Amino acid sequence: MEQKLNMDWIAALLLCFLIGVFGAHHFFAGNIQKGVTMLLITILAGWIFGLGVLITAIWAIYDLIMIICGKFTKADGQVITMYV
């Protein structure tokens, strides 16, 4: 039996790596509240305090590690794994 790459995993990985500070990977996974939180922290705290991007960058790196390890979940609780 041949293992196939999960396209959701690839999409989440790329979104997190490229524009993770804006919460794009959470929007993709259906975690709208987390996505909005990351977006607001990046935009509002970034402008006001200058720390918003740093905070969300650390959060995005954590999420990236979770995606790579296969522990990142969608809103419905389904884990996004590398292989289908």
C-alpha atoms as a PDB file:
ATOM      1  CA  MET A   1       0.000   0.000   0.000  1.00  0.00           C
ATOM      2  CA  GLU A   2       1.390   3.329  -1.058  1.00  0.00           C
ATOM      3  CA  GLN A   3       1.322   6.335   1.251  1.00  0.00           C
ATOM      4  CA  LYS A   4       0.142   9.600  -0.281  1.00  0.00           C
ATOM      5  CA  LEU A   5       1.026  13.053   0.988  1.00  0.00           C
ATOM      6  CA  ASN A   6      -1.864  14.850   2.612  1.00  0.00           C
ATOM      7  CA  MET A   7      -2.544  18.079   0.708  1.00  0.00           C
ATOM      8  CA  ASP A   8      -4.038  19.675   3.838  1.00  0.00           C
ATOM      9  CA  TRP A   9      -0.726  19.067   5.620  1.00  0.00           C
ATOM     10  CA  ILE A  10       1.243  20.655   2.783  1.00  0.00           C
ATOM     11  CA  ALA A  11      -1.093  23.661   2.661  1.00  0.00           C
ATOM     12  CA  ALA A  12      -0.980  24.174   6.441  1.00  0.00           C
ATOM     13  CA  LEU A  13       2.810  23.831   6.422  1.00  0.00           C
ATOM     14  CA  LEU A  14       3.284  26.377   3.628  1.00  0.00           C
ATOM     15  CA  LEU A  15       0.774  28.844   5.060  1.00  0.00           C
ATOM     16  CA  CYS A  16       2.397  28.654   8.486  1.00  0.00           C
ATOM     17  CA  PHE A  17       5.906  29.009   7.085  1.00  0.00           C
ATOM     18  CA  LEU A  18       5.143  31.853   4.667  1.00  0.00           C
ATOM     19  CA  ILE A  19       2.484  33.948   6.415  1.00  0.00           C
ATOM     20  CA  GLY A  20       2.080  32.286   9.793  1.00  0.00           C
ATOM     21  CA  VAL A  21       2.349  35.535  11.763  1.00  0.00           C
ATOM     22  CA  PHE A  22      -1.027  36.516  10.291  1.00  0.00           C
ATOM     23  CA  GLY A  23      -2.662  33.247  11.405  1.00  0.00           C
ATOM     24  CA  ALA A  24      -3.297  32.001   7.868  1.00  0.00           C
ATOM     25  CA  HIS A  25      -2.789  28.353   8.842  1.00  0.00           C
ATOM     26  CA  HIS A  26      -5.421  28.670  11.582  1.00  0.00           C
ATOM     27  CA  PHE A  27      -7.924  30.202   9.158  1.00  0.00           C
ATOM     28  CA  PHE A  28      -7.206  27.317   6.770  1.00  0.00           C
ATOM     29  CA  ALA A  29      -7.772  24.743   9.517  1.00  0.00           C
ATOM     30  CA  GLY A  30     -11.038  26.401  10.560  1.00  0.00           C
ATOM     31  CA  ASN A  31      -9.686  27.737  13.845  1.00  0.00           C
ATOM     32  CA  ILE A  32     -11.088  31.202  13.169  1.00  0.00           C
ATOM     33  CA  GLN A  33     -10.688  32.539  16.726  1.00  0.00           C
ATOM     34  CA  LYS A  34      -6.991  31.655  16.822  1.00  0.00           C
ATOM     35  CA  GLY A  35      -6.501  33.117  13.352  1.00  0.00           C
ATOM     36  CA  VAL A  36      -8.202  36.386  14.288  1.00  0.00           C
ATOM     37  CA  THR A  37      -6.199  36.524  17.526  1.00  0.00           C
ATOM     38  CA  MET A  38      -2.899  36.118  15.679  1.00  0.00           C
ATOM     39  CA  LEU A  39      -3.935  38.655  13.059  1.00  0.00           C
ATOM     40  CA  LEU A  40      -4.943  41.242  15.648  1.00  0.00           C
ATOM     41  CA  ILE A  41      -1.801  40.702  17.725  1.00  0.00           C
ATOM     42  CA  THR A  42       0.357  41.134  14.630  1.00  0.00           C
ATOM     43  CA  ILE A  43      -1.423  44.236  13.391  1.00  0.00           C
ATOM     44  CA  LEU A  44      -2.438  46.074  16.562  1.00  0.00           C
ATOM     45  CA  ALA A  45       0.361  45.144  18.947  1.00  0.00           C
ATOM     46  CA  GLY A  46       2.864  45.459  16.133  1.00  0.00           C
ATOM     47  CA  TRP A  47       1.889  49.043  15.501  1.00  0.00           C
ATOM     48  CA  ILE A  48       1.457  50.044  19.128  1.00  0.00           C
ATOM     49  CA  PHE A  49       4.272  48.228  20.922  1.00  0.00           C
ATOM     50  CA  GLY A  50       6.410  46.783  18.149  1.00  0.00           C
ATOM     51  CA  LEU A  51       6.258  43.329  19.743  1.00  0.00           C
ATOM     52  CA  GLY A  52       3.281  41.907  17.859  1.00  0.00           C
ATOM     53  CA  VAL A  53       5.273  40.280  15.093  1.00  0.00           C
ATOM     54  CA  LEU A  54       7.762  38.813  17.578  1.00  0.00           C
ATOM     55  CA  ILE A  55       4.972  37.288  19.669  1.00  0.00           C
ATOM     56  CA  THR A  56       3.150  35.800  16.689  1.00  0.00           C
ATOM     57  CA  ALA A  57       6.423  34.667  15.082  1.00  0.00           C
ATOM     58  CA  ILE A  58       7.165  32.560  18.173  1.00  0.00           C
ATOM     59  CA  TRP A  59       3.579  31.260  18.083  1.00  0.00           C
ATOM     60  CA  ALA A  60       3.924  30.439  14.355  1.00  0.00           C
ATOM     61  CA  ILE A  61       7.205  28.579  14.947  1.00  0.00           C
ATOM     62  CA  TYR A  62       5.479  26.520  17.635  1.00  0.00           C
ATOM     63  CA  ASP A  63       2.607  25.795  15.235  1.00  0.00           C
ATOM     64  CA  LEU A  64       5.075  24.900  12.479  1.00  0.00           C
ATOM     65  CA  ILE A  65       6.689  22.331  14.771  1.00  0.00           C
ATOM     66  CA  MET A  66       3.239  20.954  15.644  1.00  0.00           C
ATOM     67  CA  ILE A  67       2.366  20.657  11.938  1.00  0.00           C
ATOM     68  CA  ILE A  68       5.639  18.880  11.129  1.00  0.00           C
ATOM     69  CA  CYS A  69       5.145  16.470  14.050  1.00  0.00           C
ATOM     70  CA  GLY A  70       1.552  15.734  13.013  1.00  0.00           C
ATOM     71  CA  LYS A  71      -0.073  17.225  16.098  1.00  0.00           C
ATOM     72  CA  PHE A  72      -1.809  20.264  14.563  1.00  0.00           C
ATOM     73  CA  THR A  73      -5.600  19.950  14.653  1.00  0.00           C
ATOM     74  CA  LYS A  74      -8.442  21.376  12.632  1.00  0.00           C
ATOM     75  CA  ALA A  75     -11.448  23.027  14.282  1.00  0.00           C
ATOM     76  CA  ASP A  76     -13.341  19.722  14.244  1.00  0.00           C
ATOM     77  CA  GLY A  77     -10.552  17.984  16.186  1.00  0.00           C
ATOM     78  CA  GLN A  78      -9.122  16.102  13.197  1.00  0.00           C
ATOM     79  CA  VAL A  79      -5.326  15.955  13.245  1.00  0.00           C
ATOM     80  CA  ILE A  80      -3.549  17.100  10.091  1.00  0.00           C
ATOM     81  CA  THR A  81      -0.958  14.418   9.373  1.00  0.00           C
ATOM     82  CA  MET A  82       1.688  14.157   6.667  1.00  0.00           C
ATOM     83  CA  TYR A  83       0.234  11.070   5.001  1.00  0.00           C
ATOM     84  CA  VAL A  84      -3.331  10.112   4.176  1.00  0.00           C
END
